[in-house]
Amino acid sequence: QVLAGPQLALGANSPYLFGHRLQAETRP
């Protein structure tokens, strides 16, 4: 749980959904 934030900062890979630029990691 502590590592969840750093993991996403390192590994974000989902910035677009349905043509919209949203969050760096939009999945959550």
mmCIF file of all heavy atoms, coordinates in Angstrom:
data_MODEL
# 
_entry.id   MODEL 
# 
loop_
_atom_site.group_PDB 
_atom_site.id 
_atom_site.type_symbol 
_atom_site.label_atom_id 
_atom_site.label_alt_id 
_atom_site.label_comp_id 
_atom_site.label_asym_id 
_atom_site.label_entity_id 
_atom_site.label_seq_id 
_atom_site.pdbx_PDB_ins_code 
_atom_site.Cartn_x 
_atom_site.Cartn_y 
_atom_site.Cartn_z 
_atom_site.occupancy 
_atom_site.B_iso_or_equiv 
_atom_site.pdbx_formal_charge 
_atom_site.auth_seq_id 
_atom_site.auth_comp_id 
_atom_site.auth_asym_id 
_atom_site.auth_atom_id 
_atom_site.pdbx_PDB_model_num 
ATOM 1   N N   . GLN A 1 1  ? 0.830   -1.204 0.000   1.00 0.00 ? 1  GLN A N   1 
ATOM 2   C CA  . GLN A 1 1  ? 0.000   0.000  0.000   1.00 0.00 ? 1  GLN A CA  1 
ATOM 3   C C   . GLN A 1 1  ? 0.867   1.257  0.000   1.00 0.00 ? 1  GLN A C   1 
ATOM 4   O O   . GLN A 1 1  ? 0.568   2.234  -0.693  1.00 0.00 ? 1  GLN A O   1 
ATOM 5   C CB  . GLN A 1 1  ? -0.918  -0.007 1.228   1.00 0.00 ? 1  GLN A CB  1 
ATOM 6   C CG  . GLN A 1 1  ? -1.989  -1.094 1.213   1.00 0.00 ? 1  GLN A CG  1 
ATOM 7   C CD  . GLN A 1 1  ? -3.082  -0.816 0.203   1.00 0.00 ? 1  GLN A CD  1 
ATOM 8   O OE1 . GLN A 1 1  ? -3.038  -1.311 -0.925  1.00 0.00 ? 1  GLN A OE1 1 
ATOM 9   N NE2 . GLN A 1 1  ? -4.062  -0.020 0.584   1.00 0.00 ? 1  GLN A NE2 1 
ATOM 10  N N   . VAL A 1 2  ? 1.944   1.258  0.777   1.00 0.00 ? 2  VAL A N   1 
ATOM 11  C CA  . VAL A 1 2  ? 2.868   2.390  0.778   1.00 0.00 ? 2  VAL A CA  1 
ATOM 12  C C   . VAL A 1 2  ? 3.440   2.620  -0.616  1.00 0.00 ? 2  VAL A C   1 
ATOM 13  O O   . VAL A 1 2  ? 3.601   3.757  -1.065  1.00 0.00 ? 2  VAL A O   1 
ATOM 14  C CB  . VAL A 1 2  ? 4.016   2.144  1.786   1.00 0.00 ? 2  VAL A CB  1 
ATOM 15  C CG1 . VAL A 1 2  ? 5.124   3.178  1.609   1.00 0.00 ? 2  VAL A CG1 1 
ATOM 16  C CG2 . VAL A 1 2  ? 3.489   2.177  3.214   1.00 0.00 ? 2  VAL A CG2 1 
ATOM 17  N N   . LEU A 1 3  ? 3.730   1.519  -1.302  1.00 0.00 ? 3  LEU A N   1 
ATOM 18  C CA  . LEU A 1 3  ? 4.396   1.617  -2.607  1.00 0.00 ? 3  LEU A CA  1 
ATOM 19  C C   . LEU A 1 3  ? 3.455   1.968  -3.753  1.00 0.00 ? 3  LEU A C   1 
ATOM 20  O O   . LEU A 1 3  ? 3.924   2.267  -4.851  1.00 0.00 ? 3  LEU A O   1 
ATOM 21  C CB  . LEU A 1 3  ? 5.078   0.287  -2.929  1.00 0.00 ? 3  LEU A CB  1 
ATOM 22  C CG  . LEU A 1 3  ? 6.493   0.110  -2.405  1.00 0.00 ? 3  LEU A CG  1 
ATOM 23  C CD1 . LEU A 1 3  ? 7.018   -1.265 -2.765  1.00 0.00 ? 3  LEU A CD1 1 
ATOM 24  C CD2 . LEU A 1 3  ? 7.405   1.184  -2.984  1.00 0.00 ? 3  LEU A CD2 1 
ATOM 25  N N   . ALA A 1 4  ? 2.155   1.920  -3.542  1.00 0.00 ? 4  ALA A N   1 
ATOM 26  C CA  . ALA A 1 4  ? 1.216   2.101  -4.647  1.00 0.00 ? 4  ALA A CA  1 
ATOM 27  C C   . ALA A 1 4  ? 1.414   3.437  -5.359  1.00 0.00 ? 4  ALA A C   1 
ATOM 28  O O   . ALA A 1 4  ? 1.388   3.506  -6.594  1.00 0.00 ? 4  ALA A O   1 
ATOM 29  C CB  . ALA A 1 4  ? -0.224  1.970  -4.145  1.00 0.00 ? 4  ALA A CB  1 
ATOM 30  N N   . GLY A 1 5  ? 1.622   4.513  -4.609  1.00 0.00 ? 5  GLY A N   1 
ATOM 31  C CA  . GLY A 1 5  ? 1.851   5.812  -5.238  1.00 0.00 ? 5  GLY A CA  1 
ATOM 32  C C   . GLY A 1 5  ? 3.125   5.850  -6.063  1.00 0.00 ? 5  GLY A C   1 
ATOM 33  O O   . GLY A 1 5  ? 3.091   6.195  -7.251  1.00 0.00 ? 5  GLY A O   1 
ATOM 34  N N   . PRO A 1 6  ? 4.280   5.507  -5.466  1.00 0.00 ? 6  PRO A N   1 
ATOM 35  C CA  . PRO A 1 6  ? 5.497   5.477  -6.271  1.00 0.00 ? 6  PRO A CA  1 
ATOM 36  C C   . PRO A 1 6  ? 5.417   4.551  -7.479  1.00 0.00 ? 6  PRO A C   1 
ATOM 37  O O   . PRO A 1 6  ? 5.972   4.859  -8.541  1.00 0.00 ? 6  PRO A O   1 
ATOM 38  C CB  . PRO A 1 6  ? 6.555   4.993  -5.268  1.00 0.00 ? 6  PRO A CB  1 
ATOM 39  C CG  . PRO A 1 6  ? 6.051   5.466  -3.933  1.00 0.00 ? 6  PRO A CG  1 
ATOM 40  C CD  . PRO A 1 6  ? 4.563   5.349  -4.019  1.00 0.00 ? 6  PRO A CD  1 
ATOM 41  N N   . GLN A 1 7  ? 4.727   3.417  -7.340  1.00 0.00 ? 7  GLN A N   1 
ATOM 42  C CA  . GLN A 1 7  ? 4.563   2.524  -8.495  1.00 0.00 ? 7  GLN A CA  1 
ATOM 43  C C   . GLN A 1 7  ? 3.894   3.240  -9.655  1.00 0.00 ? 7  GLN A C   1 
ATOM 44  O O   . GLN A 1 7  ? 4.303   3.091  -10.812 1.00 0.00 ? 7  GLN A O   1 
ATOM 45  C CB  . GLN A 1 7  ? 3.719   1.304  -8.113  1.00 0.00 ? 7  GLN A CB  1 
ATOM 46  C CG  . GLN A 1 7  ? 4.452   0.176  -7.431  1.00 0.00 ? 7  GLN A CG  1 
ATOM 47  C CD  . GLN A 1 7  ? 3.522   -1.003 -7.199  1.00 0.00 ? 7  GLN A CD  1 
ATOM 48  O OE1 . GLN A 1 7  ? 2.636   -0.957 -6.342  1.00 0.00 ? 7  GLN A OE1 1 
ATOM 49  N NE2 . GLN A 1 7  ? 3.700   -2.049 -7.985  1.00 0.00 ? 7  GLN A NE2 1 
ATOM 50  N N   . LEU A 1 8  ? 2.835   3.991  -9.376  1.00 0.00 ? 8  LEU A N   1 
ATOM 51  C CA  . LEU A 1 8  ? 2.118   4.673  -10.453 1.00 0.00 ? 8  LEU A CA  1 
ATOM 52  C C   . LEU A 1 8  ? 2.941   5.804  -11.051 1.00 0.00 ? 8  LEU A C   1 
ATOM 53  O O   . LEU A 1 8  ? 2.906   6.028  -12.267 1.00 0.00 ? 8  LEU A O   1 
ATOM 54  C CB  . LEU A 1 8  ? 0.778   5.209  -9.943  1.00 0.00 ? 8  LEU A CB  1 
ATOM 55  C CG  . LEU A 1 8  ? -0.336  4.180  -9.777  1.00 0.00 ? 8  LEU A CG  1 
ATOM 56  C CD1 . LEU A 1 8  ? -1.645  4.877  -9.419  1.00 0.00 ? 8  LEU A CD1 1 
ATOM 57  C CD2 . LEU A 1 8  ? -0.526  3.350  -11.041 1.00 0.00 ? 8  LEU A CD2 1 
ATOM 58  N N   . ALA A 1 9  ? 3.670   6.535  -10.221 1.00 0.00 ? 9  ALA A N   1 
ATOM 59  C CA  . ALA A 1 9  ? 4.516   7.594  -10.774 1.00 0.00 ? 9  ALA A CA  1 
ATOM 60  C C   . ALA A 1 9  ? 5.557   7.016  -11.723 1.00 0.00 ? 9  ALA A C   1 
ATOM 61  O O   . ALA A 1 9  ? 5.840   7.581  -12.780 1.00 0.00 ? 9  ALA A O   1 
ATOM 62  C CB  . ALA A 1 9  ? 5.193   8.359  -9.632  1.00 0.00 ? 9  ALA A CB  1 
ATOM 63  N N   . LEU A 1 10 ? 6.122   5.867  -11.364 1.00 0.00 ? 10 LEU A N   1 
ATOM 64  C CA  . LEU A 1 10 ? 7.111   5.205  -12.207 1.00 0.00 ? 10 LEU A CA  1 
ATOM 65  C C   . LEU A 1 10 ? 6.508   4.590  -13.459 1.00 0.00 ? 10 LEU A C   1 
ATOM 66  O O   . LEU A 1 10 ? 7.111   4.613  -14.527 1.00 0.00 ? 10 LEU A O   1 
ATOM 67  C CB  . LEU A 1 10 ? 7.783   4.082  -11.415 1.00 0.00 ? 10 LEU A CB  1 
ATOM 68  C CG  . LEU A 1 10 ? 9.079   4.374  -10.682 1.00 0.00 ? 10 LEU A CG  1 
ATOM 69  C CD1 . LEU A 1 10 ? 9.414   3.219  -9.762  1.00 0.00 ? 10 LEU A CD1 1 
ATOM 70  C CD2 . LEU A 1 10 ? 10.207  4.616  -11.669 1.00 0.00 ? 10 LEU A CD2 1 
ATOM 71  N N   . GLY A 1 11 ? 5.317   4.000  -13.315 1.00 0.00 ? 11 GLY A N   1 
ATOM 72  C CA  . GLY A 1 11 ? 4.804   3.130  -14.365 1.00 0.00 ? 11 GLY A CA  1 
ATOM 73  C C   . GLY A 1 11 ? 3.550   3.580  -15.065 1.00 0.00 ? 11 GLY A C   1 
ATOM 74  O O   . GLY A 1 11 ? 2.976   2.805  -15.845 1.00 0.00 ? 11 GLY A O   1 
ATOM 75  N N   . ALA A 1 12 ? 3.065   4.805  -14.840 1.00 0.00 ? 12 ALA A N   1 
ATOM 76  C CA  . ALA A 1 12 ? 1.828   5.264  -15.478 1.00 0.00 ? 12 ALA A CA  1 
ATOM 77  C C   . ALA A 1 12 ? 1.899   5.056  -16.987 1.00 0.00 ? 12 ALA A C   1 
ATOM 78  O O   . ALA A 1 12 ? 2.914   5.345  -17.611 1.00 0.00 ? 12 ALA A O   1 
ATOM 79  C CB  . ALA A 1 12 ? 1.574   6.734  -15.149 1.00 0.00 ? 12 ALA A CB  1 
ATOM 80  N N   . ASN A 1 13 ? 0.784   4.584  -17.571 1.00 0.00 ? 13 ASN A N   1 
ATOM 81  C CA  . ASN A 1 13 ? 0.798   4.264  -19.004 1.00 0.00 ? 13 ASN A CA  1 
ATOM 82  C C   . ASN A 1 13 ? -0.608  4.326  -19.602 1.00 0.00 ? 13 ASN A C   1 
ATOM 83  O O   . ASN A 1 13 ? -0.898  3.620  -20.554 1.00 0.00 ? 13 ASN A O   1 
ATOM 84  C CB  . ASN A 1 13 ? 1.399   2.859  -19.205 1.00 0.00 ? 13 ASN A CB  1 
ATOM 85  C CG  . ASN A 1 13 ? 1.824   2.587  -20.633 1.00 0.00 ? 13 ASN A CG  1 
ATOM 86  O OD1 . ASN A 1 13 ? 2.221   3.488  -21.361 1.00 0.00 ? 13 ASN A OD1 1 
ATOM 87  N ND2 . ASN A 1 13 ? 1.733   1.324  -21.055 1.00 0.00 ? 13 ASN A ND2 1 
ATOM 88  N N   . SER A 1 14 ? -1.470  5.191  -19.053 1.00 0.00 ? 14 SER A N   1 
ATOM 89  C CA  . SER A 1 14 ? -2.870  5.221  -19.503 1.00 0.00 ? 14 SER A CA  1 
ATOM 90  C C   . SER A 1 14 ? -3.415  6.649  -19.544 1.00 0.00 ? 14 SER A C   1 
ATOM 91  O O   . SER A 1 14 ? -4.396  6.971  -18.866 1.00 0.00 ? 14 SER A O   1 
ATOM 92  C CB  . SER A 1 14 ? -3.732  4.375  -18.555 1.00 0.00 ? 14 SER A CB  1 
ATOM 93  O OG  . SER A 1 14 ? -3.158  3.128  -18.275 1.00 0.00 ? 14 SER A OG  1 
ATOM 94  N N   . PRO A 1 15 ? -2.847  7.534  -20.365 1.00 0.00 ? 15 PRO A N   1 
ATOM 95  C CA  . PRO A 1 15 ? -3.276  8.933  -20.316 1.00 0.00 ? 15 PRO A CA  1 
ATOM 96  C C   . PRO A 1 15 ? -4.494  9.269  -21.176 1.00 0.00 ? 15 PRO A C   1 
ATOM 97  O O   . PRO A 1 15 ? -5.060  10.357 -21.017 1.00 0.00 ? 15 PRO A O   1 
ATOM 98  C CB  . PRO A 1 15 ? -2.053  9.686  -20.829 1.00 0.00 ? 15 PRO A CB  1 
ATOM 99  C CG  . PRO A 1 15 ? -1.411  8.719  -21.786 1.00 0.00 ? 15 PRO A CG  1 
ATOM 100 C CD  . PRO A 1 15 ? -1.647  7.354  -21.201 1.00 0.00 ? 15 PRO A CD  1 
ATOM 101 N N   . TYR A 1 16 ? -4.892  8.364  -22.089 1.00 0.00 ? 16 TYR A N   1 
ATOM 102 C CA  . TYR A 1 16 ? -5.983  8.686  -23.014 1.00 0.00 ? 16 TYR A CA  1 
ATOM 103 C C   . TYR A 1 16 ? -7.120  7.678  -22.879 1.00 0.00 ? 16 TYR A C   1 
ATOM 104 O O   . TYR A 1 16 ? -6.893  6.476  -22.740 1.00 0.00 ? 16 TYR A O   1 
ATOM 105 C CB  . TYR A 1 16 ? -5.490  8.673  -24.465 1.00 0.00 ? 16 TYR A CB  1 
ATOM 106 C CG  . TYR A 1 16 ? -4.528  9.787  -24.789 1.00 0.00 ? 16 TYR A CG  1 
ATOM 107 C CD1 . TYR A 1 16 ? -3.153  9.559  -24.844 1.00 0.00 ? 16 TYR A CD1 1 
ATOM 108 C CD2 . TYR A 1 16 ? -5.002  11.081 -25.045 1.00 0.00 ? 16 TYR A CD2 1 
ATOM 109 C CE1 . TYR A 1 16 ? -2.269  10.585 -25.142 1.00 0.00 ? 16 TYR A CE1 1 
ATOM 110 C CE2 . TYR A 1 16 ? -4.110  12.113 -25.342 1.00 0.00 ? 16 TYR A CE2 1 
ATOM 111 C CZ  . TYR A 1 16 ? -2.754  11.857 -25.384 1.00 0.00 ? 16 TYR A CZ  1 
ATOM 112 O OH  . TYR A 1 16 ? -1.875  12.876 -25.678 1.00 0.00 ? 16 TYR A OH  1 
ATOM 113 N N   . LEU A 1 17 ? -8.349  8.188  -22.942 1.00 0.00 ? 17 LEU A N   1 
ATOM 114 C CA  . LEU A 1 17 ? -9.533  7.344  -22.976 1.00 0.00 ? 17 LEU A CA  1 
ATOM 115 C C   . LEU A 1 17 ? -10.565 7.993  -23.890 1.00 0.00 ? 17 LEU A C   1 
ATOM 116 O O   . LEU A 1 17 ? -10.932 9.163  -23.686 1.00 0.00 ? 17 LEU A O   1 
ATOM 117 C CB  . LEU A 1 17 ? -10.125 7.165  -21.568 1.00 0.00 ? 17 LEU A CB  1 
ATOM 118 C CG  . LEU A 1 17 ? -11.446 6.402  -21.488 1.00 0.00 ? 17 LEU A CG  1 
ATOM 119 C CD1 . LEU A 1 17 ? -11.260 4.947  -21.944 1.00 0.00 ? 17 LEU A CD1 1 
ATOM 120 C CD2 . LEU A 1 17 ? -12.035 6.446  -20.083 1.00 0.00 ? 17 LEU A CD2 1 
ATOM 121 N N   . PHE A 1 18 ? -10.992 7.249  -24.909 1.00 0.00 ? 18 PHE A N   1 
ATOM 122 C CA  . PHE A 1 18 ? -12.011 7.715  -25.858 1.00 0.00 ? 18 PHE A CA  1 
ATOM 123 C C   . PHE A 1 18 ? -11.637 9.082  -26.456 1.00 0.00 ? 18 PHE A C   1 
ATOM 124 O O   . PHE A 1 18 ? -12.479 9.969  -26.622 1.00 0.00 ? 18 PHE A O   1 
ATOM 125 C CB  . PHE A 1 18 ? -13.385 7.785  -25.200 1.00 0.00 ? 18 PHE A CB  1 
ATOM 126 C CG  . PHE A 1 18 ? -13.839 6.492  -24.587 1.00 0.00 ? 18 PHE A CG  1 
ATOM 127 C CD1 . PHE A 1 18 ? -14.611 6.485  -23.435 1.00 0.00 ? 18 PHE A CD1 1 
ATOM 128 C CD2 . PHE A 1 18 ? -13.491 5.273  -25.163 1.00 0.00 ? 18 PHE A CD2 1 
ATOM 129 C CE1 . PHE A 1 18 ? -15.034 5.286  -22.882 1.00 0.00 ? 18 PHE A CE1 1 
ATOM 130 C CE2 . PHE A 1 18 ? -13.908 4.073  -24.610 1.00 0.00 ? 18 PHE A CE2 1 
ATOM 131 C CZ  . PHE A 1 18 ? -14.674 4.074  -23.463 1.00 0.00 ? 18 PHE A CZ  1 
ATOM 132 N N   . GLY A 1 19 ? -10.337 9.244  -26.746 1.00 0.00 ? 19 GLY A N   1 
ATOM 133 C CA  . GLY A 1 19 ? -9.861  10.463 -27.388 1.00 0.00 ? 19 GLY A CA  1 
ATOM 134 C C   . GLY A 1 19 ? -9.584  11.614 -26.449 1.00 0.00 ? 19 GLY A C   1 
ATOM 135 O O   . GLY A 1 19 ? -9.080  12.658 -26.886 1.00 0.00 ? 19 GLY A O   1 
ATOM 136 N N   . HIS A 1 20 ? -9.875  11.459 -25.153 1.00 0.00 ? 20 HIS A N   1 
ATOM 137 C CA  . HIS A 1 20 ? -9.654  12.520 -24.180 1.00 0.00 ? 20 HIS A CA  1 
ATOM 138 C C   . HIS A 1 20 ? -8.337  12.274 -23.440 1.00 0.00 ? 20 HIS A C   1 
ATOM 139 O O   . HIS A 1 20 ? -8.078  11.157 -22.982 1.00 0.00 ? 20 HIS A O   1 
ATOM 140 C CB  . HIS A 1 20 ? -10.782 12.566 -23.148 1.00 0.00 ? 20 HIS A CB  1 
ATOM 141 C CG  . HIS A 1 20 ? -12.101 13.006 -23.703 1.00 0.00 ? 20 HIS A CG  1 
ATOM 142 N ND1 . HIS A 1 20 ? -12.715 14.171 -23.320 1.00 0.00 ? 20 HIS A ND1 1 
ATOM 143 C CD2 . HIS A 1 20 ? -12.926 12.422 -24.610 1.00 0.00 ? 20 HIS A CD2 1 
ATOM 144 C CE1 . HIS A 1 20 ? -13.867 14.289 -23.965 1.00 0.00 ? 20 HIS A CE1 1 
ATOM 145 N NE2 . HIS A 1 20 ? -14.011 13.233 -24.757 1.00 0.00 ? 20 HIS A NE2 1 
ATOM 146 N N   . ARG A 1 21 ? -7.536  13.316 -23.282 1.00 0.00 ? 21 ARG A N   1 
ATOM 147 C CA  . ARG A 1 21 ? -6.385  13.217 -22.398 1.00 0.00 ? 21 ARG A CA  1 
ATOM 148 C C   . ARG A 1 21 ? -6.883  13.465 -20.974 1.00 0.00 ? 21 ARG A C   1 
ATOM 149 O O   . ARG A 1 21 ? -7.430  14.529 -20.668 1.00 0.00 ? 21 ARG A O   1 
ATOM 150 C CB  . ARG A 1 21 ? -5.310  14.237 -22.771 1.00 0.00 ? 21 ARG A CB  1 
ATOM 151 C CG  . ARG A 1 21 ? -4.096  14.109 -21.844 1.00 0.00 ? 21 ARG A CG  1 
ATOM 152 C CD  . ARG A 1 21 ? -3.062  15.168 -22.104 1.00 0.00 ? 21 ARG A CD  1 
ATOM 153 N NE  . ARG A 1 21 ? -2.100  15.203 -21.002 1.00 0.00 ? 21 ARG A NE  1 
ATOM 154 C CZ  . ARG A 1 21 ? -1.218  16.172 -20.791 1.00 0.00 ? 21 ARG A CZ  1 
ATOM 155 N NH1 . ARG A 1 21 ? -1.180  17.206 -21.630 1.00 0.00 ? 21 ARG A NH1 1 
ATOM 156 N NH2 . ARG A 1 21 ? -0.400  16.139 -19.767 1.00 0.00 ? 21 ARG A NH2 1 
ATOM 157 N N   . LEU A 1 22 ? -6.678  12.469 -20.109 1.00 0.00 ? 22 LEU A N   1 
ATOM 158 C CA  . LEU A 1 22 ? -7.225  12.545 -18.761 1.00 0.00 ? 22 LEU A CA  1 
ATOM 159 C C   . LEU A 1 22 ? -6.089  12.530 -17.733 1.00 0.00 ? 22 LEU A C   1 
ATOM 160 O O   . LEU A 1 22 ? -5.292  13.438 -17.687 1.00 0.00 ? 22 LEU A O   1 
ATOM 161 C CB  . LEU A 1 22 ? -8.229  11.408 -18.548 1.00 0.00 ? 22 LEU A CB  1 
ATOM 162 C CG  . LEU A 1 22 ? -9.440  11.467 -19.506 1.00 0.00 ? 22 LEU A CG  1 
ATOM 163 C CD1 . LEU A 1 22 ? -10.283 10.223 -19.404 1.00 0.00 ? 22 LEU A CD1 1 
ATOM 164 C CD2 . LEU A 1 22 ? -10.269 12.711 -19.227 1.00 0.00 ? 22 LEU A CD2 1 
ATOM 165 N N   . GLN A 1 23 ? -5.995  11.482 -16.941 1.00 0.00 ? 23 GLN A N   1 
ATOM 166 C CA  . GLN A 1 23 ? -4.945  11.400 -15.933 1.00 0.00 ? 23 GLN A CA  1 
ATOM 167 C C   . GLN A 1 23 ? -3.771  10.594 -16.483 1.00 0.00 ? 23 GLN A C   1 
ATOM 168 O O   . GLN A 1 23 ? -3.916  9.819  -17.425 1.00 0.00 ? 23 GLN A O   1 
ATOM 169 C CB  . GLN A 1 23 ? -5.504  10.768 -14.670 1.00 0.00 ? 23 GLN A CB  1 
ATOM 170 C CG  . GLN A 1 23 ? -6.699  11.535 -14.119 1.00 0.00 ? 23 GLN A CG  1 
ATOM 171 C CD  . GLN A 1 23 ? -7.171  11.029 -12.773 1.00 0.00 ? 23 GLN A CD  1 
ATOM 172 O OE1 . GLN A 1 23 ? -6.529  10.223 -12.127 1.00 0.00 ? 23 GLN A OE1 1 
ATOM 173 N NE2 . GLN A 1 23 ? -8.318  11.522 -12.352 1.00 0.00 ? 23 GLN A NE2 1 
ATOM 174 N N   . ALA A 1 24 ? -2.602  10.752 -15.876 1.00 0.00 ? 24 ALA A N   1 
ATOM 175 C CA  . ALA A 1 24 ? -1.446  9.981  -16.331 1.00 0.00 ? 24 ALA A CA  1 
ATOM 176 C C   . ALA A 1 24 ? -1.749  8.486  -16.262 1.00 0.00 ? 24 ALA A C   1 
ATOM 177 O O   . ALA A 1 24 ? -1.370  7.729  -17.154 1.00 0.00 ? 24 ALA A O   1 
ATOM 178 C CB  . ALA A 1 24 ? -0.224  10.318 -15.480 1.00 0.00 ? 24 ALA A CB  1 
ATOM 179 N N   . GLU A 1 25 ? -2.420  8.074  -15.216 1.00 0.00 ? 25 GLU A N   1 
ATOM 180 C CA  . GLU A 1 25 ? -2.884  6.690  -15.084 1.00 0.00 ? 25 GLU A CA  1 
ATOM 181 C C   . GLU A 1 25 ? -4.380  6.736  -14.825 1.00 0.00 ? 25 GLU A C   1 
ATOM 182 O O   . GLU A 1 25 ? -4.835  6.835  -13.682 1.00 0.00 ? 25 GLU A O   1 
ATOM 183 C CB  . GLU A 1 25 ? -2.132  5.956  -13.961 1.00 0.00 ? 25 GLU A CB  1 
ATOM 184 C CG  . GLU A 1 25 ? -2.430  4.475  -13.888 1.00 0.00 ? 25 GLU A CG  1 
ATOM 185 C CD  . GLU A 1 25 ? -2.268  3.787  -15.243 1.00 0.00 ? 25 GLU A CD  1 
ATOM 186 O OE1 . GLU A 1 25 ? -1.254  3.987  -15.924 1.00 0.00 ? 25 GLU A OE1 1 
ATOM 187 O OE2 . GLU A 1 25 ? -3.195  3.057  -15.610 1.00 0.00 ? 25 GLU A OE2 1 
ATOM 188 N N   . THR A 1 26 ? -5.160  6.682  -15.901 1.00 0.00 ? 26 THR A N   1 
ATOM 189 C CA  . THR A 1 26 ? -6.612  6.859  -15.830 1.00 0.00 ? 26 THR A CA  1 
ATOM 190 C C   . THR A 1 26 ? -7.321  5.613  -15.312 1.00 0.00 ? 26 THR A C   1 
ATOM 191 O O   . THR A 1 26 ? -8.472  5.689  -14.873 1.00 0.00 ? 26 THR A O   1 
ATOM 192 C CB  . THR A 1 26 ? -7.144  7.241  -17.230 1.00 0.00 ? 26 THR A CB  1 
ATOM 193 O OG1 . THR A 1 26 ? -6.458  8.409  -17.678 1.00 0.00 ? 26 THR A OG1 1 
ATOM 194 C CG2 . THR A 1 26 ? -8.632  7.511  -17.227 1.00 0.00 ? 26 THR A CG2 1 
ATOM 195 N N   . ARG A 1 27 ? -6.645  4.455  -15.351 1.00 0.00 ? 27 ARG A N   1 
ATOM 196 C CA  . ARG A 1 27 ? -7.295  3.206  -14.946 1.00 0.00 ? 27 ARG A CA  1 
ATOM 197 C C   . ARG A 1 27 ? -7.953  3.246  -13.567 1.00 0.00 ? 27 ARG A C   1 
ATOM 198 O O   . ARG A 1 27 ? -9.097  2.802  -13.430 1.00 0.00 ? 27 ARG A O   1 
ATOM 199 C CB  . ARG A 1 27 ? -6.289  2.041  -14.977 1.00 0.00 ? 27 ARG A CB  1 
ATOM 200 C CG  . ARG A 1 27 ? -5.909  1.554  -16.335 1.00 0.00 ? 27 ARG A CG  1 
ATOM 201 C CD  . ARG A 1 27 ? -4.741  0.579  -16.287 1.00 0.00 ? 27 ARG A CD  1 
ATOM 202 N NE  . ARG A 1 27 ? -4.828  -0.397 -15.219 1.00 0.00 ? 27 ARG A NE  1 
ATOM 203 C CZ  . ARG A 1 27 ? -4.134  -0.330 -14.077 1.00 0.00 ? 27 ARG A CZ  1 
ATOM 204 N NH1 . ARG A 1 27 ? -3.307  0.670  -13.834 1.00 0.00 ? 27 ARG A NH1 1 
ATOM 205 N NH2 . ARG A 1 27 ? -4.256  -1.273 -13.178 1.00 0.00 ? 27 ARG A NH2 1 
ATOM 206 N N   . PRO A 1 28 ? -7.300  3.734  -12.514 1.00 0.00 ? 28 PRO A N   1 
ATOM 207 C CA  . PRO A 1 28 ? -7.944  3.689  -11.198 1.00 0.00 ? 28 PRO A CA  1 
ATOM 208 C C   . PRO A 1 28 ? -9.295  4.393  -11.158 1.00 0.00 ? 28 PRO A C   1 
ATOM 209 O O   . PRO A 1 28 ? -10.272 3.851  -10.608 1.00 0.00 ? 28 PRO A O   1 
ATOM 210 C CB  . PRO A 1 28 ? -6.918  4.373  -10.284 1.00 0.00 ? 28 PRO A CB  1 
ATOM 211 C CG  . PRO A 1 28 ? -5.601  4.075  -10.919 1.00 0.00 ? 28 PRO A CG  1 
ATOM 212 C CD  . PRO A 1 28 ? -5.883  4.156  -12.398 1.00 0.00 ? 28 PRO A CD  1 
# 
